[in-house]
Amino acid sequence: MVRAQSRITLGSFDIYEPPSRSARLESKLEDATSARQDPDEGSRELARQRNASKISVEGLRIVPASPSYFTTIPQFMDSFIEVQTVLRKYETLPQIEPINAPKVAWIRLDTFKAATDEPIKIAKWRKLQKLLQRLNWIHPEVMPEEVKAIIQKYKMQHNPYDRRPSPKYVDDMGRGMGVGRRKTSSAVAWLIEGEGEVLINSKSLSQHFTRIHDRESAIWALKATDRLDKYNLWALVRGGGTTGQAEALTLAVAKALMVHEPALKPVLRRAGCVTRDPRKVERKKPGKLKARKMPAWVKR
């Protein structure tokens, strides 16, 4: 094999000119062709070693392991593509209603940021959570192991949805306790079997609540279940106004009554005594007279 080389004579000296890029590529191609045509295995190995020793590392470049290397968040994009690929693979499997799907708490964005040290935006993280939620909707009986592994990878170790409130019992003095809140008011009520006595902050019902509507609200749970003359009530209320205290006491008495008689829960729910009212007083805004009231508009 003859390689194309050129020499330039300058006086009594010969200056060597290195071969051009095309000549080097042609030489490598000829070496590879000769190595393939050689039937002897030993000759092919020698040719391969000879060709490897002639390769220059100057023109080589490092190829990233993942195409996501060229993004600002490569690890997150690899995770996103992984979840998206699994979803496309199994999206035709039967799924259950979202309300019946097992509740899963996904890992927090702060935790993922700390593990990857990448500036992930909340919008991208929510897109990943939507894909994971869609995988969680696949029916458990036909869910593949690959999907289970993905869900296990991105969910929290301790699921907060698995927590159950501790059951309430009647204490050794025969009392059932309940706690209720409304607006900024809170109430704690104790019920014990008796003749229907009521004490609120060491006062009678009529002394503490002057309005008839507030009195009815305070003992509405007992009145709706026809238990006014079967239990004695002691309560402590604080915060807010009289209406908030009365409605907080409604919830507290209902919970205390369910400790004694759990079977009354459907009746109390229909009476509106079980669900807490989450409404709050809306704050006043600048430029308005109240929370929403605007001042009268004057043309001039």
C-alpha atoms as a PDB file:
ATOM      1  CA  MET A   1       0.000   0.000   0.000  1.00  0.00           C
ATOM      2  CA  VAL A   2       1.415   3.348  -1.037  1.00  0.00           C
ATOM      3  CA  ARG A   3       0.383   6.391   0.883  1.00  0.00           C
ATOM      4  CA  ALA A   4       0.221   9.781  -0.731  1.00  0.00           C
ATOM      5  CA  GLN A   5       2.992  11.905   0.736  1.00  0.00           C
ATOM      6  CA  SER A   6       4.643  15.016  -0.608  1.00  0.00           C
ATOM      7  CA  ARG A   7       7.990  16.613  -0.025  1.00  0.00           C
ATOM      8  CA  ILE A   8       9.048  20.161  -0.812  1.00  0.00           C
ATOM      9  CA  THR A   9      12.731  20.798  -1.520  1.00  0.00           C
ATOM     10  CA  LEU A  10      14.023  24.042  -0.101  1.00  0.00           C
ATOM     11  CA  GLY A  11      17.707  24.530  -0.848  1.00  0.00           C
ATOM     12  CA  SER A  12      19.521  21.521   0.608  1.00  0.00           C
ATOM     13  CA  PHE A  13      16.634  20.606   2.973  1.00  0.00           C
ATOM     14  CA  ASP A  14      13.527  18.509   2.362  1.00  0.00           C
ATOM     15  CA  ILE A  15      10.407  19.728   4.168  1.00  0.00           C
ATOM     16  CA  TYR A  16       7.868  16.968   4.924  1.00  0.00           C
ATOM     17  CA  GLU A  17       4.270  17.925   4.291  1.00  0.00           C
ATOM     18  CA  PRO A  18       1.730  15.770   6.222  1.00  0.00           C
ATOM     19  CA  PRO A  19      -0.993  14.082   4.169  1.00  0.00           C
ATOM     20  CA  SER A  20      -4.281  15.866   3.773  1.00  0.00           C
ATOM     21  CA  ARG A  21      -7.520  14.840   5.545  1.00  0.00           C
ATOM     22  CA  SER A  22      -8.889  13.122   2.429  1.00  0.00           C
ATOM     23  CA  ALA A  23      -5.660  11.170   2.058  1.00  0.00           C
ATOM     24  CA  ARG A  24      -5.846  10.002   5.675  1.00  0.00           C
ATOM     25  CA  LEU A  25      -9.464   8.887   5.264  1.00  0.00           C
ATOM     26  CA  GLU A  26      -8.582   7.023   2.059  1.00  0.00           C
ATOM     27  CA  SER A  27      -5.697   5.305   3.841  1.00  0.00           C
ATOM     28  CA  LYS A  28      -7.958   4.197   6.713  1.00  0.00           C
ATOM     29  CA  LEU A  29     -10.529   2.885   4.226  1.00  0.00           C
ATOM     30  CA  GLU A  30      -7.874   0.868   2.387  1.00  0.00           C
ATOM     31  CA  ASP A  31      -6.601  -0.622   5.652  1.00  0.00           C
ATOM     32  CA  ALA A  32     -10.129  -1.623   6.682  1.00  0.00           C
ATOM     33  CA  THR A  33     -10.816  -3.148   3.250  1.00  0.00           C
ATOM     34  CA  SER A  34      -7.604  -5.154   3.313  1.00  0.00           C
ATOM     35  CA  ALA A  35      -8.422  -6.398   6.814  1.00  0.00           C
ATOM     36  CA  ARG A  36     -11.855  -7.600   5.706  1.00  0.00           C
ATOM     37  CA  GLN A  37     -10.499  -9.383   2.643  1.00  0.00           C
ATOM     38  CA  ASP A  38      -7.790 -11.249   4.573  1.00  0.00           C
ATOM     39  CA  PRO A  39      -9.105 -14.768   5.262  1.00  0.00           C
ATOM     40  CA  ASP A  40      -6.601 -15.436   8.011  1.00  0.00           C
ATOM     41  CA  GLU A  41      -7.960 -14.635  11.487  1.00  0.00           C
ATOM     42  CA  GLY A  42      -4.539 -13.775  12.814  1.00  0.00           C
ATOM     43  CA  SER A  43      -3.912 -11.381   9.973  1.00  0.00           C
ATOM     44  CA  ARG A  44      -7.233  -9.686  10.590  1.00  0.00           C
ATOM     45  CA  GLU A  45      -6.403  -9.222  14.257  1.00  0.00           C
ATOM     46  CA  LEU A  46      -3.009  -7.750  13.396  1.00  0.00           C
ATOM     47  CA  ALA A  47      -4.592  -5.422  10.869  1.00  0.00           C
ATOM     48  CA  ARG A  48      -7.174  -4.355  13.443  1.00  0.00           C
ATOM     49  CA  GLN A  49      -4.494  -3.574  15.992  1.00  0.00           C
ATOM     50  CA  ARG A  50      -2.433  -1.723  13.400  1.00  0.00           C
ATOM     51  CA  ASN A  51      -5.420   0.370  12.388  1.00  0.00           C
ATOM     52  CA  ALA A  52      -6.311   1.111  16.001  1.00  0.00           C
ATOM     53  CA  SER A  53      -2.811   2.359  16.728  1.00  0.00           C
ATOM     54  CA  LYS A  54      -2.997   4.781  13.812  1.00  0.00           C
ATOM     55  CA  ILE A  55      -6.291   6.411  14.873  1.00  0.00           C
ATOM     56  CA  SER A  56      -5.768   9.903  16.211  1.00  0.00           C
ATOM     57  CA  VAL A  57      -7.735  10.930  19.293  1.00  0.00           C
ATOM     58  CA  GLU A  58      -7.572  14.592  18.376  1.00  0.00           C
ATOM     59  CA  GLY A  59     -10.619  14.444  16.134  1.00  0.00           C
ATOM     60  CA  LEU A  60     -12.739  12.345  18.499  1.00  0.00           C
ATOM     61  CA  ARG A  61     -15.481  13.795  20.701  1.00  0.00           C
ATOM     62  CA  ILE A  62     -17.353  12.435  23.694  1.00  0.00           C
ATOM     63  CA  VAL A  63     -20.907  11.339  22.919  1.00  0.00           C
ATOM     64  CA  PRO A  64     -23.352  11.908  25.834  1.00  0.00           C
ATOM     65  CA  ALA A  65     -25.078   8.866  27.268  1.00  0.00           C
ATOM     66  CA  SER A  66     -28.497  10.516  26.882  1.00  0.00           C
ATOM     67  CA  PRO A  67     -29.921  13.080  24.432  1.00  0.00           C
ATOM     68  CA  SER A  68     -31.251  14.964  27.469  1.00  0.00           C
ATOM     69  CA  TYR A  69     -27.670  16.026  28.175  1.00  0.00           C
ATOM     70  CA  PHE A  70     -28.216  19.066  25.979  1.00  0.00           C
ATOM     71  CA  THR A  71     -31.108  20.315  28.154  1.00  0.00           C
ATOM     72  CA  THR A  72     -30.755  22.219  31.395  1.00  0.00           C
ATOM     73  CA  ILE A  73     -32.503  19.426  33.336  1.00  0.00           C
ATOM     74  CA  PRO A  74     -31.174  16.131  31.897  1.00  0.00           C
ATOM     75  CA  GLN A  75     -32.079  13.874  34.821  1.00  0.00           C
ATOM     76  CA  PHE A  76     -35.630  15.189  35.016  1.00  0.00           C
ATOM     77  CA  MET A  77     -36.103  14.826  31.252  1.00  0.00           C
ATOM     78  CA  ASP A  78     -34.846  11.237  31.392  1.00  0.00           C
ATOM     79  CA  SER A  79     -37.383  10.525  34.143  1.00  0.00           C
ATOM     80  CA  PHE A  80     -40.160  12.247  32.193  1.00  0.00           C
ATOM     81  CA  ILE A  81     -39.374  10.271  29.025  1.00  0.00           C
ATOM     82  CA  GLU A  82     -39.241   7.046  31.038  1.00  0.00           C
ATOM     83  CA  VAL A  83     -42.708   7.586  32.541  1.00  0.00           C
ATOM     84  CA  GLN A  84     -44.123   8.766  29.205  1.00  0.00           C
ATOM     85  CA  THR A  85     -42.791   5.669  27.423  1.00  0.00           C
ATOM     86  CA  VAL A  86     -44.343   3.324  29.990  1.00  0.00           C
ATOM     87  CA  LEU A  87     -47.683   5.148  29.756  1.00  0.00           C
ATOM     88  CA  ARG A  88     -47.759   4.903  25.959  1.00  0.00           C
ATOM     89  CA  LYS A  89     -47.009   1.200  26.250  1.00  0.00           C
ATOM     90  CA  TYR A  90     -49.862   0.413  28.654  1.00  0.00           C
ATOM     91  CA  GLU A  91     -52.395   3.212  28.093  1.00  0.00           C
ATOM     92  CA  THR A  92     -54.877   0.794  26.474  1.00  0.00           C
ATOM     93  CA  LEU A  93     -55.216  -1.325  29.627  1.00  0.00           C
ATOM     94  CA  PRO A  94     -58.526  -1.063  31.523  1.00  0.00           C
ATOM     95  CA  GLN A  95     -58.638   1.538  34.253  1.00  0.00           C
ATOM     96  CA  ILE A  96     -60.798   2.215  37.284  1.00  0.00           C
ATOM     97  CA  GLU A  97     -62.637   5.357  38.247  1.00  0.00           C
ATOM     98  CA  PRO A  98     -60.273   8.031  39.572  1.00  0.00           C
ATOM     99  CA  ILE A  99     -62.310   8.307  42.772  1.00  0.00           C
ATOM    100  CA  ASN A 100     -61.764   4.575  43.432  1.00  0.00           C
ATOM    101  CA  ALA A 101     -58.055   4.581  42.591  1.00  0.00           C
ATOM    102  CA  PRO A 102     -55.637   4.031  45.490  1.00  0.00           C
ATOM    103  CA  LYS A 103     -54.447   7.318  46.933  1.00  0.00           C
ATOM    104  CA  VAL A 104     -50.727   7.822  46.399  1.00  0.00           C
ATOM    105  CA  ALA A 105     -48.615  10.711  47.688  1.00  0.00           C
ATOM    106  CA  TRP A 106     -45.899  11.475  45.126  1.00  0.00           C
ATOM    107  CA  ILE A 107     -42.485  12.721  46.160  1.00  0.00           C
ATOM    108  CA  ARG A 108     -42.198  16.473  46.536  1.00  0.00           C
ATOM    109  CA  LEU A 109     -40.488  18.750  44.053  1.00  0.00           C
ATOM    110  CA  ASP A 110     -38.048  19.954  46.700  1.00  0.00           C
ATOM    111  CA  THR A 111     -36.931  16.381  47.336  1.00  0.00           C
ATOM    112  CA  PHE A 112     -36.370  15.733  43.630  1.00  0.00           C
ATOM    113  CA  LYS A 113     -34.482  19.025  43.255  1.00  0.00           C
ATOM    114  CA  ALA A 114     -32.203  18.150  46.154  1.00  0.00           C
ATOM    115  CA  ALA A 115     -31.452  14.740  44.634  1.00  0.00           C
ATOM    116  CA  THR A 116     -30.738  16.012  41.099  1.00  0.00           C
ATOM    117  CA  ASP A 117     -29.587  19.601  41.749  1.00  0.00           C
ATOM    118  CA  GLU A 118     -31.543  20.839  38.712  1.00  0.00           C
ATOM    119  CA  PRO A 119     -33.722  23.977  38.292  1.00  0.00           C
ATOM    120  CA  ILE A 120     -37.033  22.215  37.682  1.00  0.00           C
ATOM    121  CA  LYS A 121     -40.095  24.398  37.252  1.00  0.00           C
ATOM    122  CA  ILE A 122     -43.349  23.576  38.999  1.00  0.00           C
ATOM    123  CA  ALA A 123     -45.236  23.376  35.683  1.00  0.00           C
ATOM    124  CA  LYS A 124     -42.993  20.584  34.392  1.00  0.00           C
ATOM    125  CA  TRP A 125     -43.241  18.745  37.701  1.00  0.00           C
ATOM    126  CA  ARG A 126     -47.036  18.852  37.544  1.00  0.00           C
ATOM    127  CA  LYS A 127     -46.950  17.353  34.046  1.00  0.00           C
ATOM    128  CA  LEU A 128     -44.899  14.461  35.407  1.00  0.00           C
ATOM    129  CA  GLN A 129     -47.376  13.990  38.254  1.00  0.00           C
ATOM    130  CA  LYS A 130     -50.267  13.854  35.769  1.00  0.00           C
ATOM    131  CA  LEU A 131     -48.536  11.032  33.894  1.00  0.00           C
ATOM    132  CA  LEU A 132     -47.925   9.167  37.147  1.00  0.00           C
ATOM    133  CA  GLN A 133     -51.549   9.676  38.200  1.00  0.00           C
ATOM    134  CA  ARG A 134     -52.712   8.250  34.867  1.00  0.00           C
ATOM    135  CA  LEU A 135     -50.560   5.161  35.477  1.00  0.00           C
ATOM    136  CA  ASN A 136     -52.086   4.847  38.941  1.00  0.00           C
ATOM    137  CA  TRP A 137     -55.556   4.646  37.374  1.00  0.00           C
ATOM    138  CA  ILE A 138     -54.745   1.341  35.648  1.00  0.00           C
ATOM    139  CA  HIS A 139     -56.803  -1.470  37.169  1.00  0.00           C
ATOM    140  CA  PRO A 140     -54.789  -3.172  39.942  1.00  0.00           C
ATOM    141  CA  GLU A 141     -55.655  -6.669  38.686  1.00  0.00           C
ATOM    142  CA  VAL A 142     -54.024  -6.074  35.276  1.00  0.00           C
ATOM    143  CA  MET A 143     -51.319  -3.599  36.303  1.00  0.00           C
ATOM    144  CA  PRO A 144     -47.932  -4.807  34.953  1.00  0.00           C
ATOM    145  CA  GLU A 145     -44.860  -5.053  37.147  1.00  0.00           C
ATOM    146  CA  GLU A 146     -43.187  -2.322  35.104  1.00  0.00           C
ATOM    147  CA  VAL A 147     -45.944   0.130  36.030  1.00  0.00           C
ATOM    148  CA  LYS A 148     -45.780  -0.900  39.685  1.00  0.00           C
ATOM    149  CA  ALA A 149     -42.031  -0.285  39.674  1.00  0.00           C
ATOM    150  CA  ILE A 150     -42.511   3.222  38.240  1.00  0.00           C
ATOM    151  CA  ILE A 151     -45.176   4.086  40.834  1.00  0.00           C
ATOM    152  CA  GLN A 152     -43.000   2.731  43.635  1.00  0.00           C
ATOM    153  CA  LYS A 153     -40.068   4.809  42.376  1.00  0.00           C
ATOM    154  CA  TYR A 154     -41.879   8.145  42.497  1.00  0.00           C
ATOM    155  CA  LYS A 155     -44.131   7.798  45.545  1.00  0.00           C
ATOM    156  CA  MET A 156     -43.324   8.826  49.099  1.00  0.00           C
ATOM    157  CA  GLN A 157     -42.065   6.202  51.501  1.00  0.00           C
ATOM    158  CA  HIS A 158     -44.730   7.048  54.081  1.00  0.00           C
ATOM    159  CA  ASN A 159     -48.155   7.567  52.550  1.00  0.00           C
ATOM    160  CA  PRO A 160     -50.037  10.227  54.549  1.00  0.00           C
ATOM    161  CA  TYR A 161     -53.339   8.902  53.166  1.00  0.00           C
ATOM    162  CA  ASP A 162     -52.860   5.676  55.125  1.00  0.00           C
ATOM    163  CA  ARG A 163     -53.266   7.495  58.406  1.00  0.00           C
ATOM    164  CA  ARG A 164     -56.506   6.790  60.195  1.00  0.00           C
ATOM    165  CA  PRO A 165     -57.868   8.821  63.101  1.00  0.00           C
ATOM    166  CA  SER A 166     -57.641   7.023  66.384  1.00  0.00           C
ATOM    167  CA  PRO A 167     -61.019   5.676  67.522  1.00  0.00           C
ATOM    168  CA  LYS A 168     -62.786   7.501  70.330  1.00  0.00           C
ATOM    169  CA  TYR A 169     -64.000   5.664  73.417  1.00  0.00           C
ATOM    170  CA  VAL A 170     -66.073   6.470  76.466  1.00  0.00           C
ATOM    171  CA  ASP A 171     -63.651   7.136  79.321  1.00  0.00           C
ATOM    172  CA  ASP A 172     -63.724   5.526  82.756  1.00  0.00           C
ATOM    173  CA  MET A 173     -66.076   8.275  83.991  1.00  0.00           C
ATOM    174  CA  GLY A 174     -68.627   7.512  81.261  1.00  0.00           C
ATOM    175  CA  ARG A 175     -67.912  10.655  79.228  1.00  0.00           C
ATOM    176  CA  GLY A 176     -67.730  10.993  75.463  1.00  0.00           C
ATOM    177  CA  MET A 177     -65.726  13.938  74.154  1.00  0.00           C
ATOM    178  CA  GLY A 178     -65.995  15.887  70.895  1.00  0.00           C
ATOM    179  CA  VAL A 179     -64.230  18.916  69.398  1.00  0.00           C
ATOM    180  CA  GLY A 180     -65.757  21.374  66.926  1.00  0.00           C
ATOM    181  CA  ARG A 181     -64.696  24.572  65.149  1.00  0.00           C
ATOM    182  CA  ARG A 182     -66.448  27.326  63.212  1.00  0.00           C
ATOM    183  CA  LYS A 183     -64.808  30.499  61.866  1.00  0.00           C
ATOM    184  CA  THR A 184     -62.446  31.533  64.687  1.00  0.00           C
ATOM    185  CA  SER A 185     -64.450  29.762  67.414  1.00  0.00           C
ATOM    186  CA  SER A 186     -63.655  26.403  68.975  1.00  0.00           C
ATOM    187  CA  ALA A 187     -65.636  24.188  71.325  1.00  0.00           C
ATOM    188  CA  VAL A 188     -65.027  21.073  73.412  1.00  0.00           C
ATOM    189  CA  ALA A 189     -68.056  19.100  74.611  1.00  0.00           C
ATOM    190  CA  TRP A 190     -68.456  16.215  77.057  1.00  0.00           C
ATOM    191  CA  LEU A 191     -71.600  14.078  77.133  1.00  0.00           C
ATOM    192  CA  ILE A 192     -72.605  11.747  79.939  1.00  0.00           C
ATOM    193  CA  GLU A 193     -75.858   9.934  80.506  1.00  0.00           C
ATOM    194  CA  GLY A 194     -78.178  12.051  82.651  1.00  0.00           C
ATOM    195  CA  GLU A 195     -81.357  14.135  82.736  1.00  0.00           C
ATOM    196  CA  GLY A 196     -80.579  16.819  80.141  1.00  0.00           C
ATOM    197  CA  GLU A 197     -78.574  19.415  82.073  1.00  0.00           C
ATOM    198  CA  VAL A 198     -76.475  21.842  79.998  1.00  0.00           C
ATOM    199  CA  LEU A 199     -73.521  23.905  81.242  1.00  0.00           C
ATOM    200  CA  ILE A 200     -71.460  26.073  78.885  1.00  0.00           C
ATOM    201  CA  ASN A 201     -68.420  27.814  80.387  1.00  0.00           C
ATOM    202  CA  SER A 202     -69.960  27.194  83.836  1.00  0.00           C
ATOM    203  CA  LYS A 203     -73.169  28.960  82.757  1.00  0.00           C
ATOM    204  CA  SER A 204     -76.572  27.697  81.775  1.00  0.00           C
ATOM    205  CA  LEU A 205     -77.591  27.606  78.134  1.00  0.00           C
ATOM    206  CA  SER A 206     -79.866  30.648  78.432  1.00  0.00           C
ATOM    207  CA  GLN A 207     -77.220  32.676  80.261  1.00  0.00           C
ATOM    208  CA  HIS A 208     -74.453  32.067  77.741  1.00  0.00           C
ATOM    209  CA  PHE A 209     -76.541  32.358  74.558  1.00  0.00           C
ATOM    210  CA  THR A 210     -79.119  35.127  74.647  1.00  0.00           C
ATOM    211  CA  ARG A 211     -80.443  34.504  71.138  1.00  0.00           C
ATOM    212  CA  ILE A 212     -82.895  31.622  70.703  1.00  0.00           C
ATOM    213  CA  HIS A 213     -81.323  30.673  67.376  1.00  0.00           C
ATOM    214  CA  ASP A 214     -77.917  30.214  69.025  1.00  0.00           C
ATOM    215  CA  ARG A 215     -79.445  28.079  71.790  1.00  0.00           C
ATOM    216  CA  GLU A 216     -81.071  25.796  69.233  1.00  0.00           C
ATOM    217  CA  SER A 217     -77.823  25.531  67.269  1.00  0.00           C
ATOM    218  CA  ALA A 218     -75.851  24.534  70.374  1.00  0.00           C
ATOM    219  CA  ILE A 219     -78.067  21.539  71.198  1.00  0.00           C
ATOM    220  CA  TRP A 220     -79.267  20.776  67.651  1.00  0.00           C
ATOM    221  CA  ALA A 221     -77.480  17.404  67.540  1.00  0.00           C
ATOM    222  CA  LEU A 222     -79.355  16.216  70.649  1.00  0.00           C
ATOM    223  CA  LYS A 223     -82.654  17.617  69.428  1.00  0.00           C
ATOM    224  CA  ALA A 224     -82.378  16.032  65.956  1.00  0.00           C
ATOM    225  CA  THR A 225     -81.802  12.584  67.489  1.00  0.00           C
ATOM    226  CA  ASP A 226     -84.349  13.012  70.305  1.00  0.00           C
ATOM    227  CA  ARG A 227     -81.669  12.720  73.023  1.00  0.00           C
ATOM    228  CA  LEU A 228     -82.273  15.984  74.914  1.00  0.00           C
ATOM    229  CA  ASP A 229     -83.369  14.297  78.148  1.00  0.00           C
ATOM    230  CA  LYS A 230     -80.888  11.401  78.011  1.00  0.00           C
ATOM    231  CA  TYR A 231     -77.496  13.150  78.275  1.00  0.00           C
ATOM    232  CA  ASN A 232     -75.937  15.878  80.359  1.00  0.00           C
ATOM    233  CA  LEU A 233     -73.746  18.343  78.454  1.00  0.00           C
ATOM    234  CA  TRP A 234     -70.653  20.217  79.661  1.00  0.00           C
ATOM    235  CA  ALA A 235     -68.881  22.442  77.164  1.00  0.00           C
ATOM    236  CA  LEU A 236     -66.050  24.942  76.901  1.00  0.00           C
ATOM    237  CA  VAL A 237     -66.182  27.475  74.066  1.00  0.00           C
ATOM    238  CA  ARG A 238     -63.798  30.257  73.143  1.00  0.00           C
ATOM    239  CA  GLY A 239     -63.028  32.700  70.345  1.00  0.00           C
ATOM    240  CA  GLY A 240     -65.254  34.409  67.802  1.00  0.00           C
ATOM    241  CA  GLY A 241     -68.811  35.534  68.383  1.00  0.00           C
ATOM    242  CA  THR A 242     -71.904  33.872  69.754  1.00  0.00           C
ATOM    243  CA  THR A 243     -73.009  32.461  66.385  1.00  0.00           C
ATOM    244  CA  GLY A 244     -69.605  30.939  65.702  1.00  0.00           C
ATOM    245  CA  GLN A 245     -69.462  29.456  69.186  1.00  0.00           C
ATOM    246  CA  ALA A 246     -72.954  27.970  68.868  1.00  0.00           C
ATOM    247  CA  GLU A 247     -72.194  26.331  65.507  1.00  0.00           C
ATOM    248  CA  ALA A 248     -68.833  25.057  66.764  1.00  0.00           C
ATOM    249  CA  LEU A 249     -70.703  23.523  69.694  1.00  0.00           C
ATOM    250  CA  THR A 250     -73.092  21.810  67.267  1.00  0.00           C
ATOM    251  CA  LEU A 251     -70.214  19.862  65.726  1.00  0.00           C
ATOM    252  CA  ALA A 252     -68.611  19.114  69.101  1.00  0.00           C
ATOM    253  CA  VAL A 253     -71.847  17.729  70.588  1.00  0.00           C
ATOM    254  CA  ALA A 254     -72.451  15.602  67.483  1.00  0.00           C
ATOM    255  CA  LYS A 255     -68.991  14.027  67.742  1.00  0.00           C
ATOM    256  CA  ALA A 256     -69.431  13.382  71.454  1.00  0.00           C
ATOM    257  CA  LEU A 257     -72.811  11.780  70.790  1.00  0.00           C
ATOM    258  CA  MET A 258     -71.312   9.492  68.128  1.00  0.00           C
ATOM    259  CA  VAL A 259     -68.835   8.222  70.738  1.00  0.00           C
ATOM    260  CA  HIS A 260     -71.777   6.939  72.774  1.00  0.00           C
ATOM    261  CA  GLU A 261     -73.932   5.842  69.828  1.00  0.00           C
ATOM    262  CA  PRO A 262     -72.006   5.407  66.536  1.00  0.00           C
ATOM    263  CA  ALA A 263     -75.173   4.199  64.787  1.00  0.00           C
ATOM    264  CA  LEU A 264     -76.573   7.744  64.908  1.00  0.00           C
ATOM    265  CA  LYS A 265     -74.044   9.036  62.367  1.00  0.00           C
ATOM    266  CA  PRO A 266     -76.399   8.809  59.313  1.00  0.00           C
ATOM    267  CA  VAL A 267     -79.104  10.678  61.226  1.00  0.00           C
ATOM    268  CA  LEU A 268     -76.668  13.350  62.342  1.00  0.00           C
ATOM    269  CA  ARG A 269     -75.311  13.703  58.815  1.00  0.00           C
ATOM    270  CA  ARG A 270     -78.793  14.275  57.409  1.00  0.00           C
ATOM    271  CA  ALA A 271     -79.324  16.892  60.118  1.00  0.00           C
ATOM    272  CA  GLY A 272     -76.130  18.693  59.051  1.00  0.00           C
ATOM    273  CA  CYS A 273     -74.274  18.131  62.313  1.00  0.00           C
ATOM    274  CA  VAL A 274     -71.308  16.056  61.127  1.00  0.00           C
ATOM    275  CA  THR A 275     -69.711  18.142  58.369  1.00  0.00           C
ATOM    276  CA  ARG A 276     -67.584  21.086  59.435  1.00  0.00           C
ATOM    277  CA  ASP A 277     -68.466  24.416  57.834  1.00  0.00           C
ATOM    278  CA  PRO A 278     -65.174  25.623  56.254  1.00  0.00           C
ATOM    279  CA  ARG A 279     -66.351  29.135  55.416  1.00  0.00           C
ATOM    280  CA  LYS A 280     -64.398  32.074  56.778  1.00  0.00           C
ATOM    281  CA  VAL A 281     -65.048  35.801  56.916  1.00  0.00           C
ATOM    282  CA  GLU A 282     -63.745  37.357  53.720  1.00  0.00           C
ATOM    283  CA  ARG A 283     -61.146  40.034  54.295  1.00  0.00           C
ATOM    284  CA  LYS A 284     -61.619  43.687  53.414  1.00  0.00           C
ATOM    285  CA  LYS A 285     -59.806  44.865  50.268  1.00  0.00           C
ATOM    286  CA  PRO A 286     -58.106  48.205  49.671  1.00  0.00           C
ATOM    287  CA  GLY A 287     -60.327  50.668  47.844  1.00  0.00           C
ATOM    288  CA  LYS A 288     -63.536  48.966  48.982  1.00  0.00           C
ATOM    289  CA  LEU A 289     -65.839  49.807  51.854  1.00  0.00           C
ATOM    290  CA  LYS A 290     -66.077  46.171  52.961  1.00  0.00           C
ATOM    291  CA  ALA A 291     -64.995  42.850  51.522  1.00  0.00           C
ATOM    292  CA  ARG A 292     -66.843  43.467  48.239  1.00  0.00           C
ATOM    293  CA  LYS A 293     -68.856  46.658  48.654  1.00  0.00           C
ATOM    294  CA  MET A 294     -67.642  49.455  46.415  1.00  0.00           C
ATOM    295  CA  PRO A 295     -68.116  53.172  47.118  1.00  0.00           C
ATOM    296  CA  ALA A 296     -70.841  54.968  45.181  1.00  0.00           C
ATOM    297  CA  TRP A 297     -69.698  55.961  41.702  1.00  0.00           C
ATOM    298  CA  VAL A 298     -69.802  59.695  41.062  1.00  0.00           C
ATOM    299  CA  LYS A 299     -69.677  60.926  37.504  1.00  0.00           C
ATOM    300  CA  ARG A 300     -68.074  64.292  38.349  1.00  0.00           C
END
